[in-house]
Amino acid sequence: MARLGIRTTAAAMGAAVLLVTGCSSGDDLITIDPATAAVSPATTSTPDGVVHPYSGLIDSITFDPITRSAVVVANNPRSVLVVPADSLAGADPASAGRPTALDSDVRDVSIAADGNALLSMDRQVGKLNLASGELTTIPVDGQANSAVELTDGRIAIGTDNGSVHIVDPKTDQSQKVSGFASVDELAVTGDNLSALDHRQTSLTAINLEDGKLGVALRAGEGATHLATDRFGRILVTDTTGNELLVFTADPLLMHQRYPVGESPYAVAYDETADRVWVTLTATNEVVGFDLSSGIPVETRRFKTVRQPNSLAVDSSNGNLIVGSATGDGLQVIPSREN
C-alpha cells in the first residue's frame, strides 16, 4: 500500500460518514431513488477517435485483457457481443464479433480468471468463456445485479433484495450476507470484498471469514459505478454529486473526493498509464485523471458520442471504448500521446 500516492483529506473524511451495519432485513433502511445518468444533449461537434455504427442501445462495455476482447451488452434489441480488440480498428467491428444468445437481460458484466466473463441476470449468473463462447450458469434466488470472482475461485453475487451470495462452483456450498437495500456492484481488491448499494449510496466492506457486514461509508449523494485499480483503490462515480470518490478497502477509507464535471457515470482504469477515465453524460465527454498527487489531476479530455453511458479501456494500448445508449454507435479513442 505504500505506493498508493494518496492522502486522506479533511473534506473526504467529513463526507465519508460511518453508517450503522448489522443484520437488518433491509426493510427499515433509509434509502433514496438510485441515481441515473443525466440525459445527454445532442452532439454539436464531431466526436474524437472513430465512431462505428452499432445496432442497439449500448448498455455496458467490459474489456478482458487475457483474450483482448470487449464484451458489449446492448438493449433494443437485446444482444451480447464479444468483439476482438483488433477488430475495433476495422470498419465494422460488430460484424467481427461473436454474439451470445441469452434469455434474460444482463445487469452487469465482470471479468473472471482465464478469459471468462460473469453475466448477472434474472435468477442466474452466466459464466461466458470469451474464447470458445461456451456459457454455463449459476442459479440465483432473485435478480443478480452484480457478480465477481474472488481470489479463491468462489463467486460473490449481489442481488436486488439486498443480499450477497458467496458460491463455490466446485462444491456448490454457499453463504449469504444480508443487510443491504440492494447490492448493485461489487469490488474485489486482494482478499477484500466491498459492495456498492445504490439505494443507500454507500460502500460497505464484507467480512468473508464470518459472513458479516463490516464498515460502511457514505458514497457521495448518488453513486452509480465503480472500478478498481492496481493499487487496491476503489474508484466510484458520484453521479448526483458530480464527484469522483477514491476509497481503499483494507481498512475501508475514503481518501479522495473531487469534482469532475456534470453527471459522471461510467468509469474505467488504465493500469499501464495509471489513469482513471470517467464519462460525463451531461456534456458528452470522457475525462482522464492522474491520482498520484493526492487529488485527481486532469490529463486529457475527449468529445464522445451522445449518451456515453458505458466505457472500457484496453490497457495494452490505451484505447478507450465508449458506447452510446441512444444508438449513436461504438466509439474508439486512442488516449495516449503519440
C-alpha atoms as a PDB file:
ATOM      1  CA  MET A   1       0.000   0.000   0.000  1.00  0.00           C
ATOM      2  CA  ALA A   2       2.974   2.315   0.226  1.00  0.00           C
ATOM      3  CA  ARG A   3       2.713   3.172  -3.455  1.00  0.00           C
ATOM      4  CA  LEU A   4      -0.829   4.488  -3.268  1.00  0.00           C
ATOM      5  CA  GLY A   5       0.374   8.057  -3.580  1.00  0.00           C
ATOM      6  CA  ILE A   6      -2.798   9.428  -1.944  1.00  0.00           C
ATOM      7  CA  ARG A   7      -3.670  11.301   1.178  1.00  0.00           C
ATOM      8  CA  THR A   8      -6.725  11.443   3.377  1.00  0.00           C
ATOM      9  CA  THR A   9      -8.189  14.923   3.360  1.00  0.00           C
ATOM     10  CA  ALA A  10     -10.396  16.529   5.968  1.00  0.00           C
ATOM     11  CA  ALA A  11     -13.082  17.108   3.364  1.00  0.00           C
ATOM     12  CA  ALA A  12     -13.016  13.466   2.362  1.00  0.00           C
ATOM     13  CA  MET A  13     -13.279  12.229   5.914  1.00  0.00           C
ATOM     14  CA  GLY A  14     -16.110  14.636   6.589  1.00  0.00           C
ATOM     15  CA  ALA A  15     -18.085  13.216   3.708  1.00  0.00           C
ATOM     16  CA  ALA A  16     -17.275   9.585   4.462  1.00  0.00           C
ATOM     17  CA  VAL A  17     -19.988   9.220   7.074  1.00  0.00           C
ATOM     18  CA  LEU A  18     -19.814   5.953   9.003  1.00  0.00           C
ATOM     19  CA  LEU A  19     -23.063   4.055   8.614  1.00  0.00           C
ATOM     20  CA  VAL A  20     -24.564   1.565  11.030  1.00  0.00           C
ATOM     21  CA  THR A  21     -24.078  -2.016   9.897  1.00  0.00           C
ATOM     22  CA  GLY A  22     -25.569  -5.210  11.174  1.00  0.00           C
ATOM     23  CA  CYS A  23     -28.179  -7.819  10.343  1.00  0.00           C
ATOM     24  CA  SER A  24     -31.008  -5.564   9.203  1.00  0.00           C
ATOM     25  CA  SER A  25     -33.512  -7.098   6.810  1.00  0.00           C
ATOM     26  CA  GLY A  26     -33.226  -4.051   4.568  1.00  0.00           C
ATOM     27  CA  ASP A  27     -36.874  -3.043   5.097  1.00  0.00           C
ATOM     28  CA  ASP A  28     -36.037  -0.455   7.781  1.00  0.00           C
ATOM     29  CA  LEU A  29     -33.137   1.155   5.924  1.00  0.00           C
ATOM     30  CA  ILE A  30     -33.245   4.786   4.875  1.00  0.00           C
ATOM     31  CA  THR A  31     -32.976   4.787   1.097  1.00  0.00           C
ATOM     32  CA  ILE A  32     -33.079   7.107  -1.902  1.00  0.00           C
ATOM     33  CA  ASP A  33     -34.062   6.626  -5.520  1.00  0.00           C
ATOM     34  CA  PRO A  34     -30.970   5.289  -7.327  1.00  0.00           C
ATOM     35  CA  ALA A  35     -29.088   7.918  -9.302  1.00  0.00           C
ATOM     36  CA  THR A  36     -29.222   7.778 -13.087  1.00  0.00           C
ATOM     37  CA  ALA A  37     -27.136   9.287 -15.870  1.00  0.00           C
ATOM     38  CA  ALA A  38     -28.120  12.779 -16.988  1.00  0.00           C
ATOM     39  CA  VAL A  39     -29.878  12.867 -20.340  1.00  0.00           C
ATOM     40  CA  SER A  40     -27.262  13.977 -22.847  1.00  0.00           C
ATOM     41  CA  PRO A  41     -27.805  16.851 -25.253  1.00  0.00           C
ATOM     42  CA  ALA A  42     -27.428  16.319 -28.972  1.00  0.00           C
ATOM     43  CA  THR A  43     -23.791  16.419 -30.067  1.00  0.00           C
ATOM     44  CA  THR A  44     -22.726  19.699 -31.677  1.00  0.00           C
ATOM     45  CA  SER A  45     -19.211  18.688 -32.743  1.00  0.00           C
ATOM     46  CA  THR A  46     -17.559  15.630 -34.228  1.00  0.00           C
ATOM     47  CA  PRO A  47     -16.678  13.003 -31.584  1.00  0.00           C
ATOM     48  CA  ASP A  48     -12.997  12.194 -31.197  1.00  0.00           C
ATOM     49  CA  GLY A  49     -11.488   8.983 -32.490  1.00  0.00           C
ATOM     50  CA  VAL A  50     -13.565   6.695 -34.696  1.00  0.00           C
ATOM     51  CA  VAL A  51     -17.290   6.005 -34.330  1.00  0.00           C
ATOM     52  CA  HIS A  52     -18.627   2.718 -35.663  1.00  0.00           C
ATOM     53  CA  PRO A  53     -22.331   2.154 -36.331  1.00  0.00           C
ATOM     54  CA  TYR A  54     -23.853  -0.285 -33.855  1.00  0.00           C
ATOM     55  CA  SER A  55     -27.259  -1.925 -33.854  1.00  0.00           C
ATOM     56  CA  GLY A  56     -28.805  -1.401 -30.436  1.00  0.00           C
ATOM     57  CA  LEU A  57     -28.581   0.903 -27.447  1.00  0.00           C
ATOM     58  CA  ILE A  58     -25.317   0.008 -25.729  1.00  0.00           C
ATOM     59  CA  ASP A  59     -25.795  -0.657 -22.030  1.00  0.00           C
ATOM     60  CA  SER A  60     -22.296  -1.712 -20.958  1.00  0.00           C
ATOM     61  CA  ILE A  61     -18.799  -2.469 -22.254  1.00  0.00           C
ATOM     62  CA  THR A  62     -16.266  -4.605 -20.386  1.00  0.00           C
ATOM     63  CA  PHE A  63     -12.742  -5.363 -21.586  1.00  0.00           C
ATOM     64  CA  ASP A  64     -10.871  -8.602 -20.920  1.00  0.00           C
ATOM     65  CA  PRO A  65      -7.063  -8.253 -21.111  1.00  0.00           C
ATOM     66  CA  ILE A  66      -6.492 -12.025 -21.341  1.00  0.00           C
ATOM     67  CA  THR A  67      -8.408 -12.604 -24.574  1.00  0.00           C
ATOM     68  CA  ARG A  68      -8.131  -8.914 -25.568  1.00  0.00           C
ATOM     69  CA  SER A  69     -11.803  -8.681 -26.327  1.00  0.00           C
ATOM     70  CA  ALA A  70     -14.655  -6.354 -25.435  1.00  0.00           C
ATOM     71  CA  VAL A  71     -17.974  -7.655 -24.124  1.00  0.00           C
ATOM     72  CA  VAL A  72     -20.640  -5.308 -25.474  1.00  0.00           C
ATOM     73  CA  VAL A  73     -24.138  -5.543 -23.991  1.00  0.00           C
ATOM     74  CA  ALA A  74     -26.967  -3.760 -25.793  1.00  0.00           C
ATOM     75  CA  ASN A  75     -30.726  -3.441 -25.478  1.00  0.00           C
ATOM     76  CA  ASN A  76     -33.368  -2.862 -28.141  1.00  0.00           C
ATOM     77  CA  PRO A  77     -32.617  -5.439 -29.390  1.00  0.00           C
ATOM     78  CA  ARG A  78     -31.072  -7.461 -26.583  1.00  0.00           C
ATOM     79  CA  SER A  79     -27.598  -8.685 -27.520  1.00  0.00           C
ATOM     80  CA  VAL A  80     -24.251  -9.681 -26.040  1.00  0.00           C
ATOM     81  CA  LEU A  81     -21.363  -9.445 -28.461  1.00  0.00           C
ATOM     82  CA  VAL A  82     -17.732 -10.429 -27.874  1.00  0.00           C
ATOM     83  CA  VAL A  83     -15.576  -8.207 -30.097  1.00  0.00           C
ATOM     84  CA  PRO A  84     -11.822  -8.877 -30.547  1.00  0.00           C
ATOM     85  CA  ALA A  85      -9.722  -5.802 -29.803  1.00  0.00           C
ATOM     86  CA  ASP A  86      -8.051  -5.928 -33.197  1.00  0.00           C
ATOM     87  CA  SER A  87     -11.477  -5.678 -34.852  1.00  0.00           C
ATOM     88  CA  LEU A  88     -12.175  -2.382 -33.085  1.00  0.00           C
ATOM     89  CA  ALA A  89      -9.818  -0.707 -35.547  1.00  0.00           C
ATOM     90  CA  GLY A  90     -11.747  -2.097 -38.511  1.00  0.00           C
ATOM     91  CA  ALA A  91     -14.600  -0.582 -40.440  1.00  0.00           C
ATOM     92  CA  ASP A  92     -17.314  -2.712 -38.823  1.00  0.00           C
ATOM     93  CA  PRO A  93     -16.210  -4.327 -35.527  1.00  0.00           C
ATOM     94  CA  ALA A  94     -19.716  -5.592 -34.794  1.00  0.00           C
ATOM     95  CA  SER A  95     -19.604  -7.872 -37.824  1.00  0.00           C
ATOM     96  CA  ALA A  96     -16.399  -9.463 -36.498  1.00  0.00           C
ATOM     97  CA  GLY A  97     -17.883 -10.097 -33.064  1.00  0.00           C
ATOM     98  CA  ARG A  98     -19.395 -13.326 -31.785  1.00  0.00           C
ATOM     99  CA  PRO A  99     -22.959 -12.992 -30.475  1.00  0.00           C
ATOM    100  CA  THR A 100     -24.260 -14.933 -27.473  1.00  0.00           C
ATOM    101  CA  ALA A 101     -27.948 -15.741 -27.214  1.00  0.00           C
ATOM    102  CA  LEU A 102     -29.482 -15.118 -23.780  1.00  0.00           C
ATOM    103  CA  ASP A 103     -32.975 -15.451 -22.333  1.00  0.00           C
ATOM    104  CA  SER A 104     -32.609 -12.581 -19.863  1.00  0.00           C
ATOM    105  CA  ASP A 105     -31.335  -9.013 -19.708  1.00  0.00           C
ATOM    106  CA  VAL A 106     -27.768  -8.576 -18.443  1.00  0.00           C
ATOM    107  CA  ARG A 107     -27.500  -6.228 -15.469  1.00  0.00           C
ATOM    108  CA  ASP A 108     -23.734  -6.313 -15.041  1.00  0.00           C
ATOM    109  CA  VAL A 109     -20.583  -7.857 -16.520  1.00  0.00           C
ATOM    110  CA  SER A 110     -17.289  -8.544 -14.767  1.00  0.00           C
ATOM    111  CA  ILE A 111     -14.127 -10.328 -15.865  1.00  0.00           C
ATOM    112  CA  ALA A 112     -13.189 -13.567 -14.117  1.00  0.00           C
ATOM    113  CA  ALA A 113      -9.996 -15.597 -14.430  1.00  0.00           C
ATOM    114  CA  ASP A 114      -8.763 -17.360 -17.538  1.00  0.00           C
ATOM    115  CA  GLY A 115     -10.715 -15.368 -20.087  1.00  0.00           C
ATOM    116  CA  ASN A 116     -14.199 -15.746 -18.662  1.00  0.00           C
ATOM    117  CA  ALA A 117     -16.869 -13.125 -18.056  1.00  0.00           C
ATOM    118  CA  LEU A 118     -19.621 -13.211 -15.430  1.00  0.00           C
ATOM    119  CA  LEU A 119     -23.021 -12.025 -16.667  1.00  0.00           C
ATOM    120  CA  SER A 120     -25.500 -11.013 -13.955  1.00  0.00           C
ATOM    121  CA  MET A 121     -29.084 -11.808 -14.983  1.00  0.00           C
ATOM    122  CA  ASP A 122     -32.507 -12.670 -13.617  1.00  0.00           C
ATOM    123  CA  ARG A 123     -32.199 -15.719 -11.335  1.00  0.00           C
ATOM    124  CA  GLN A 124     -28.818 -16.690 -12.732  1.00  0.00           C
ATOM    125  CA  VAL A 125     -25.233 -15.698 -13.346  1.00  0.00           C
ATOM    126  CA  GLY A 126     -23.765 -16.809 -16.637  1.00  0.00           C
ATOM    127  CA  LYS A 127     -20.094 -17.708 -16.947  1.00  0.00           C
ATOM    128  CA  LEU A 128     -19.122 -16.984 -20.549  1.00  0.00           C
ATOM    129  CA  ASN A 129     -15.886 -18.319 -21.999  1.00  0.00           C
ATOM    130  CA  LEU A 130     -14.789 -15.442 -24.219  1.00  0.00           C
ATOM    131  CA  ALA A 131     -12.609 -17.632 -26.431  1.00  0.00           C
ATOM    132  CA  SER A 132     -14.999 -20.513 -27.095  1.00  0.00           C
ATOM    133  CA  GLY A 133     -18.380 -18.906 -26.463  1.00  0.00           C
ATOM    134  CA  GLU A 134     -19.375 -21.675 -24.030  1.00  0.00           C
ATOM    135  CA  LEU A 135     -21.902 -20.480 -21.449  1.00  0.00           C
ATOM    136  CA  THR A 136     -22.595 -22.143 -18.104  1.00  0.00           C
ATOM    137  CA  THR A 137     -24.955 -20.791 -15.443  1.00  0.00           C
ATOM    138  CA  ILE A 138     -25.176 -20.497 -11.668  1.00  0.00           C
ATOM    139  CA  PRO A 139     -28.757 -20.336 -10.306  1.00  0.00           C
ATOM    140  CA  VAL A 140     -29.623 -17.333  -8.128  1.00  0.00           C
ATOM    141  CA  ASP A 141     -32.592 -16.745  -5.850  1.00  0.00           C
ATOM    142  CA  GLY A 142     -33.722 -13.399  -7.284  1.00  0.00           C
ATOM    143  CA  GLN A 143     -32.292 -10.799  -9.641  1.00  0.00           C
ATOM    144  CA  ALA A 144     -28.495 -10.836  -9.825  1.00  0.00           C
ATOM    145  CA  ASN A 145     -27.315  -7.226 -10.026  1.00  0.00           C
ATOM    146  CA  SER A 146     -23.594  -7.986  -9.892  1.00  0.00           C
ATOM    147  CA  ALA A 147     -21.126 -10.853  -9.674  1.00  0.00           C
ATOM    148  CA  VAL A 148     -17.364 -11.067  -9.185  1.00  0.00           C
ATOM    149  CA  GLU A 149     -14.835 -13.844  -8.830  1.00  0.00           C
ATOM    150  CA  LEU A 150     -12.884 -13.936  -5.560  1.00  0.00           C
ATOM    151  CA  THR A 151      -9.194 -14.808  -5.373  1.00  0.00           C
ATOM    152  CA  ASP A 152     -10.004 -18.341  -4.150  1.00  0.00           C
ATOM    153  CA  GLY A 153     -12.304 -19.057  -7.104  1.00  0.00           C
ATOM    154  CA  ARG A 154     -15.613 -18.540  -5.316  1.00  0.00           C
ATOM    155  CA  ILE A 155     -18.222 -16.274  -6.905  1.00  0.00           C
ATOM    156  CA  ALA A 156     -19.805 -13.390  -4.975  1.00  0.00           C
ATOM    157  CA  ILE A 157     -23.260 -12.463  -6.283  1.00  0.00           C
ATOM    158  CA  GLY A 158     -25.108  -9.275  -5.299  1.00  0.00           C
ATOM    159  CA  THR A 159     -28.905  -9.267  -5.577  1.00  0.00           C
ATOM    160  CA  ASP A 160     -31.690  -6.724  -5.787  1.00  0.00           C
ATOM    161  CA  ASN A 161     -33.104  -7.922  -2.449  1.00  0.00           C
ATOM    162  CA  GLY A 162     -30.045  -6.703  -0.559  1.00  0.00           C
ATOM    163  CA  SER A 163     -28.018  -9.892  -0.158  1.00  0.00           C
ATOM    164  CA  VAL A 164     -24.621 -11.157  -1.232  1.00  0.00           C
ATOM    165  CA  HIS A 165     -24.377 -14.869  -2.000  1.00  0.00           C
ATOM    166  CA  ILE A 166     -20.900 -16.428  -1.890  1.00  0.00           C
ATOM    167  CA  VAL A 167     -20.953 -19.558  -4.042  1.00  0.00           C
ATOM    168  CA  ASP A 168     -18.252 -22.193  -4.505  1.00  0.00           C
ATOM    169  CA  PRO A 169     -18.772 -23.618  -8.022  1.00  0.00           C
ATOM    170  CA  LYS A 170     -16.669 -26.688  -7.167  1.00  0.00           C
ATOM    171  CA  THR A 171     -18.648 -27.790  -4.100  1.00  0.00           C
ATOM    172  CA  ASP A 172     -21.965 -25.901  -4.518  1.00  0.00           C
ATOM    173  CA  GLN A 173     -21.535 -24.667  -0.946  1.00  0.00           C
ATOM    174  CA  SER A 174     -22.716 -21.118  -0.324  1.00  0.00           C
ATOM    175  CA  GLN A 175     -23.119 -18.466   2.332  1.00  0.00           C
ATOM    176  CA  LYS A 176     -25.411 -15.471   2.450  1.00  0.00           C
ATOM    177  CA  VAL A 177     -24.690 -11.968   3.747  1.00  0.00           C
ATOM    178  CA  SER A 178     -27.722  -9.680   4.172  1.00  0.00           C
ATOM    179  CA  GLY A 179     -28.397  -6.161   5.368  1.00  0.00           C
ATOM    180  CA  PHE A 180     -28.287  -4.040   2.203  1.00  0.00           C
ATOM    181  CA  ALA A 181     -31.099  -2.281   0.393  1.00  0.00           C
ATOM    182  CA  SER A 182     -29.618  -3.632  -2.863  1.00  0.00           C
ATOM    183  CA  VAL A 183     -26.213  -4.860  -3.937  1.00  0.00           C
ATOM    184  CA  ASP A 184     -25.583  -3.161  -7.260  1.00  0.00           C
ATOM    185  CA  GLU A 185     -21.835  -3.506  -7.802  1.00  0.00           C
ATOM    186  CA  LEU A 186     -19.090  -5.492  -6.112  1.00  0.00           C
ATOM    187  CA  ALA A 187     -15.356  -4.771  -5.902  1.00  0.00           C
ATOM    188  CA  VAL A 188     -12.554  -7.264  -5.245  1.00  0.00           C
ATOM    189  CA  THR A 189      -9.254  -5.763  -4.068  1.00  0.00           C
ATOM    190  CA  GLY A 190      -6.857  -8.500  -2.996  1.00  0.00           C
ATOM    191  CA  ASP A 191      -8.665 -10.610  -0.418  1.00  0.00           C
ATOM    192  CA  ASN A 192     -11.208  -7.853   0.278  1.00  0.00           C
ATOM    193  CA  LEU A 193     -14.794  -7.665  -0.975  1.00  0.00           C
ATOM    194  CA  SER A 194     -16.790  -4.408  -0.949  1.00  0.00           C
ATOM    195  CA  ALA A 195     -20.367  -3.728  -2.033  1.00  0.00           C
ATOM    196  CA  LEU A 196     -21.875  -0.605  -3.589  1.00  0.00           C
ATOM    197  CA  ASP A 197     -25.524  -0.031  -2.657  1.00  0.00           C
ATOM    198  CA  HIS A 198     -27.227   2.485  -4.967  1.00  0.00           C
ATOM    199  CA  ARG A 199     -30.301   2.927  -2.778  1.00  0.00           C
ATOM    200  CA  GLN A 200     -28.195   3.780   0.266  1.00  0.00           C
ATOM    201  CA  THR A 201     -25.408   5.340  -1.859  1.00  0.00           C
ATOM    202  CA  SER A 202     -22.935   3.505   0.362  1.00  0.00           C
ATOM    203  CA  LEU A 203     -19.818   1.349   0.081  1.00  0.00           C
ATOM    204  CA  THR A 204     -19.591  -1.494   2.594  1.00  0.00           C
ATOM    205  CA  ALA A 205     -16.835  -3.939   3.493  1.00  0.00           C
ATOM    206  CA  ILE A 206     -17.875  -7.602   3.719  1.00  0.00           C
ATOM    207  CA  ASN A 207     -16.093  -9.899   6.144  1.00  0.00           C
ATOM    208  CA  LEU A 208     -15.685 -13.126   4.176  1.00  0.00           C
ATOM    209  CA  GLU A 209     -14.499 -15.131   7.192  1.00  0.00           C
ATOM    210  CA  ASP A 210     -17.617 -14.731   9.318  1.00  0.00           C
ATOM    211  CA  GLY A 211     -20.081 -13.682   6.623  1.00  0.00           C
ATOM    212  CA  LYS A 212     -20.948 -10.355   8.245  1.00  0.00           C
ATOM    213  CA  LEU A 213     -21.014  -6.732   7.193  1.00  0.00           C
ATOM    214  CA  GLY A 214     -18.043  -4.594   8.090  1.00  0.00           C
ATOM    215  CA  VAL A 215     -17.546  -0.846   7.964  1.00  0.00           C
ATOM    216  CA  ALA A 216     -19.955   1.084   5.712  1.00  0.00           C
ATOM    217  CA  LEU A 217     -19.258   4.565   4.358  1.00  0.00           C
ATOM    218  CA  ARG A 218     -21.495   7.015   2.593  1.00  0.00           C
ATOM    219  CA  ALA A 219     -20.538   7.185  -1.101  1.00  0.00           C
ATOM    220  CA  GLY A 220     -21.487  10.717  -2.064  1.00  0.00           C
ATOM    221  CA  GLU A 221     -25.012  11.813  -2.932  1.00  0.00           C
ATOM    222  CA  GLY A 222     -25.819   9.237  -5.600  1.00  0.00           C
ATOM    223  CA  ALA A 223     -23.119   6.718  -6.519  1.00  0.00           C
ATOM    224  CA  THR A 224     -23.590   4.628  -9.659  1.00  0.00           C
ATOM    225  CA  HIS A 225     -20.476   2.782 -10.848  1.00  0.00           C
ATOM    226  CA  LEU A 226     -17.074   1.625  -9.633  1.00  0.00           C
ATOM    227  CA  ALA A 227     -13.766   0.321 -10.904  1.00  0.00           C
ATOM    228  CA  THR A 228     -10.647  -0.914  -9.133  1.00  0.00           C
ATOM    229  CA  ASP A 229      -7.012  -0.166  -9.850  1.00  0.00           C
ATOM    230  CA  ARG A 230      -3.698  -1.961  -9.440  1.00  0.00           C
ATOM    231  CA  PHE A 231      -3.044  -0.276  -6.088  1.00  0.00           C
ATOM    232  CA  GLY A 232      -6.182  -1.696  -4.475  1.00  0.00           C
ATOM    233  CA  ARG A 233      -8.191   1.509  -4.739  1.00  0.00           C
ATOM    234  CA  ILE A 234     -11.922   1.554  -5.427  1.00  0.00           C
ATOM    235  CA  LEU A 235     -12.930   4.361  -7.801  1.00  0.00           C
ATOM    236  CA  VAL A 236     -16.584   5.410  -7.541  1.00  0.00           C
ATOM    237  CA  THR A 237     -18.582   7.877  -9.622  1.00  0.00           C
ATOM    238  CA  ASP A 238     -20.939  10.047  -7.564  1.00  0.00           C
ATOM    239  CA  THR A 239     -23.336  10.931 -10.365  1.00  0.00           C
ATOM    240  CA  THR A 240     -25.596  13.154  -8.290  1.00  0.00           C
ATOM    241  CA  GLY A 241     -22.734  14.930  -6.506  1.00  0.00           C
ATOM    242  CA  ASN A 242     -20.624  15.346  -9.689  1.00  0.00           C
ATOM    243  CA  GLU A 243     -17.551  13.862  -7.998  1.00  0.00           C
ATOM    244  CA  LEU A 244     -15.056  11.039  -8.262  1.00  0.00           C
ATOM    245  CA  LEU A 245     -14.590   9.223  -4.956  1.00  0.00           C
ATOM    246  CA  VAL A 246     -11.483   7.175  -4.145  1.00  0.00           C
ATOM    247  CA  PHE A 247     -11.557   4.507  -1.421  1.00  0.00           C
ATOM    248  CA  THR A 248      -9.236   1.837  -0.110  1.00  0.00           C
ATOM    249  CA  ALA A 249     -10.628  -1.391   1.305  1.00  0.00           C
ATOM    250  CA  ASP A 250      -8.183  -2.521   3.981  1.00  0.00           C
ATOM    251  CA  PRO A 251      -9.367  -0.747   6.036  1.00  0.00           C
ATOM    252  CA  LEU A 252     -12.292   0.852   4.209  1.00  0.00           C
ATOM    253  CA  LEU A 253     -11.482   4.566   3.991  1.00  0.00           C
ATOM    254  CA  MET A 254     -12.305   7.411   1.646  1.00  0.00           C
ATOM    255  CA  HIS A 255      -9.061   9.061   0.563  1.00  0.00           C
ATOM    256  CA  GLN A 256     -10.128  11.447  -2.175  1.00  0.00           C
ATOM    257  CA  ARG A 257     -13.219  13.176  -3.477  1.00  0.00           C
ATOM    258  CA  TYR A 258     -13.011  15.580  -6.363  1.00  0.00           C
ATOM    259  CA  PRO A 259     -15.443  17.467  -8.635  1.00  0.00           C
ATOM    260  CA  VAL A 260     -15.029  16.108 -12.162  1.00  0.00           C
ATOM    261  CA  GLY A 261     -17.899  17.642 -14.141  1.00  0.00           C
ATOM    262  CA  GLU A 262     -21.606  17.197 -14.700  1.00  0.00           C
ATOM    263  CA  SER A 263     -23.064  13.725 -14.186  1.00  0.00           C
ATOM    264  CA  PRO A 264     -20.002  11.449 -14.054  1.00  0.00           C
ATOM    265  CA  TYR A 265     -21.259   7.976 -14.820  1.00  0.00           C
ATOM    266  CA  ALA A 266     -19.131   5.226 -16.397  1.00  0.00           C
ATOM    267  CA  VAL A 267     -15.623   4.690 -15.018  1.00  0.00           C
ATOM    268  CA  ALA A 268     -12.648   2.637 -16.233  1.00  0.00           C
ATOM    269  CA  TYR A 269      -8.999   2.310 -15.259  1.00  0.00           C
ATOM    270  CA  ASP A 270      -5.915   2.107 -17.484  1.00  0.00           C
ATOM    271  CA  GLU A 271      -3.439   0.160 -15.369  1.00  0.00           C
ATOM    272  CA  THR A 272      -0.495   0.757 -17.724  1.00  0.00           C
ATOM    273  CA  ALA A 273      -0.832   4.552 -17.768  1.00  0.00           C
ATOM    274  CA  ASP A 274      -2.264   4.648 -14.213  1.00  0.00           C
ATOM    275  CA  ARG A 275      -5.208   6.778 -15.342  1.00  0.00           C
ATOM    276  CA  VAL A 276      -8.843   6.698 -14.357  1.00  0.00           C
ATOM    277  CA  TRP A 277     -11.357   7.661 -17.042  1.00  0.00           C
ATOM    278  CA  VAL A 278     -14.854   8.981 -16.369  1.00  0.00           C
ATOM    279  CA  THR A 279     -17.667   9.759 -18.804  1.00  0.00           C
ATOM    280  CA  LEU A 280     -19.741  12.911 -18.327  1.00  0.00           C
ATOM    281  CA  THR A 281     -23.176  12.317 -19.797  1.00  0.00           C
ATOM    282  CA  ALA A 282     -24.359  15.915 -19.348  1.00  0.00           C
ATOM    283  CA  THR A 283     -21.668  17.176 -21.738  1.00  0.00           C
ATOM    284  CA  ASN A 284     -20.868  14.106 -23.906  1.00  0.00           C
ATOM    285  CA  GLU A 285     -17.250  13.885 -22.751  1.00  0.00           C
ATOM    286  CA  VAL A 286     -14.757  11.419 -21.299  1.00  0.00           C
ATOM    287  CA  VAL A 287     -12.078  12.791 -18.985  1.00  0.00           C
ATOM    288  CA  GLY A 288      -8.842  11.198 -17.744  1.00  0.00           C
ATOM    289  CA  PHE A 289      -7.327  11.813 -14.300  1.00  0.00           C
ATOM    290  CA  ASP A 290      -3.970  11.107 -12.676  1.00  0.00           C
ATOM    291  CA  LEU A 291      -4.458  10.217  -8.981  1.00  0.00           C
ATOM    292  CA  SER A 292      -0.832  10.105  -7.894  1.00  0.00           C
ATOM    293  CA  SER A 293      -0.551  13.631  -6.482  1.00  0.00           C
ATOM    294  CA  GLY A 294      -3.153  13.348  -3.712  1.00  0.00           C
ATOM    295  CA  ILE A 295      -6.008  14.848  -5.721  1.00  0.00           C
ATOM    296  CA  PRO A 296      -7.155  13.908  -9.232  1.00  0.00           C
ATOM    297  CA  VAL A 297      -5.362  15.927 -11.905  1.00  0.00           C
ATOM    298  CA  GLU A 298      -6.998  16.095 -15.323  1.00  0.00           C
ATOM    299  CA  THR A 299      -4.745  14.744 -18.067  1.00  0.00           C
ATOM    300  CA  ARG A 300      -6.909  14.577 -21.205  1.00  0.00           C
ATOM    301  CA  ARG A 301     -10.477  15.262 -22.319  1.00  0.00           C
ATOM    302  CA  PHE A 302     -12.291  13.917 -25.375  1.00  0.00           C
ATOM    303  CA  LYS A 303     -15.633  14.501 -27.075  1.00  0.00           C
ATOM    304  CA  THR A 304     -17.835  11.423 -27.179  1.00  0.00           C
ATOM    305  CA  VAL A 305     -20.920  10.074 -28.859  1.00  0.00           C
ATOM    306  CA  ARG A 306     -24.233  11.098 -27.356  1.00  0.00           C
ATOM    307  CA  GLN A 307     -25.172   9.481 -24.016  1.00  0.00           C
ATOM    308  CA  PRO A 308     -21.814   7.832 -23.186  1.00  0.00           C
ATOM    309  CA  ASN A 309     -23.218   5.527 -20.518  1.00  0.00           C
ATOM    310  CA  SER A 310     -20.595   2.811 -20.980  1.00  0.00           C
ATOM    311  CA  LEU A 311     -16.810   2.832 -21.053  1.00  0.00           C
ATOM    312  CA  ALA A 312     -13.896   0.402 -21.125  1.00  0.00           C
ATOM    313  CA  VAL A 313     -10.174   0.750 -21.742  1.00  0.00           C
ATOM    314  CA  ASP A 314      -7.644  -1.522 -23.410  1.00  0.00           C
ATOM    315  CA  SER A 315      -4.640  -1.045 -21.118  1.00  0.00           C
ATOM    316  CA  SER A 316      -2.259  -2.546 -23.668  1.00  0.00           C
ATOM    317  CA  ASN A 317      -2.592   0.498 -25.936  1.00  0.00           C
ATOM    318  CA  GLY A 318      -4.759   2.963 -24.010  1.00  0.00           C
ATOM    319  CA  ASN A 319      -7.692   2.844 -26.428  1.00  0.00           C
ATOM    320  CA  LEU A 320     -10.944   3.979 -24.865  1.00  0.00           C
ATOM    321  CA  ILE A 321     -14.109   2.142 -25.930  1.00  0.00           C
ATOM    322  CA  VAL A 322     -17.252   4.234 -25.454  1.00  0.00           C
ATOM    323  CA  GLY A 323     -20.814   3.089 -26.034  1.00  0.00           C
ATOM    324  CA  SER A 324     -23.831   5.247 -26.819  1.00  0.00           C
ATOM    325  CA  ALA A 325     -27.085   4.435 -25.015  1.00  0.00           C
ATOM    326  CA  THR A 326     -29.070   6.303 -27.682  1.00  0.00           C
ATOM    327  CA  GLY A 327     -27.937   4.267 -30.680  1.00  0.00           C
ATOM    328  CA  ASP A 328     -25.191   6.658 -31.821  1.00  0.00           C
ATOM    329  CA  GLY A 329     -22.613   3.906 -32.092  1.00  0.00           C
ATOM    330  CA  LEU A 330     -19.456   2.367 -30.666  1.00  0.00           C
ATOM    331  CA  GLN A 331     -16.564   4.815 -30.319  1.00  0.00           C
ATOM    332  CA  VAL A 332     -12.838   4.037 -30.135  1.00  0.00           C
ATOM    333  CA  ILE A 333     -10.497   6.798 -28.920  1.00  0.00           C
ATOM    334  CA  PRO A 334      -6.673   6.496 -28.754  1.00  0.00           C
ATOM    335  CA  SER A 335      -5.982   8.116 -25.369  1.00  0.00           C
ATOM    336  CA  ARG A 336      -2.175   8.159 -25.214  1.00  0.00           C
ATOM    337  CA  GLU A 337       0.121  10.697 -26.753  1.00  0.00           C
ATOM    338  CA  ASN A 338       1.752   9.529 -29.984  1.00  0.00           C
END
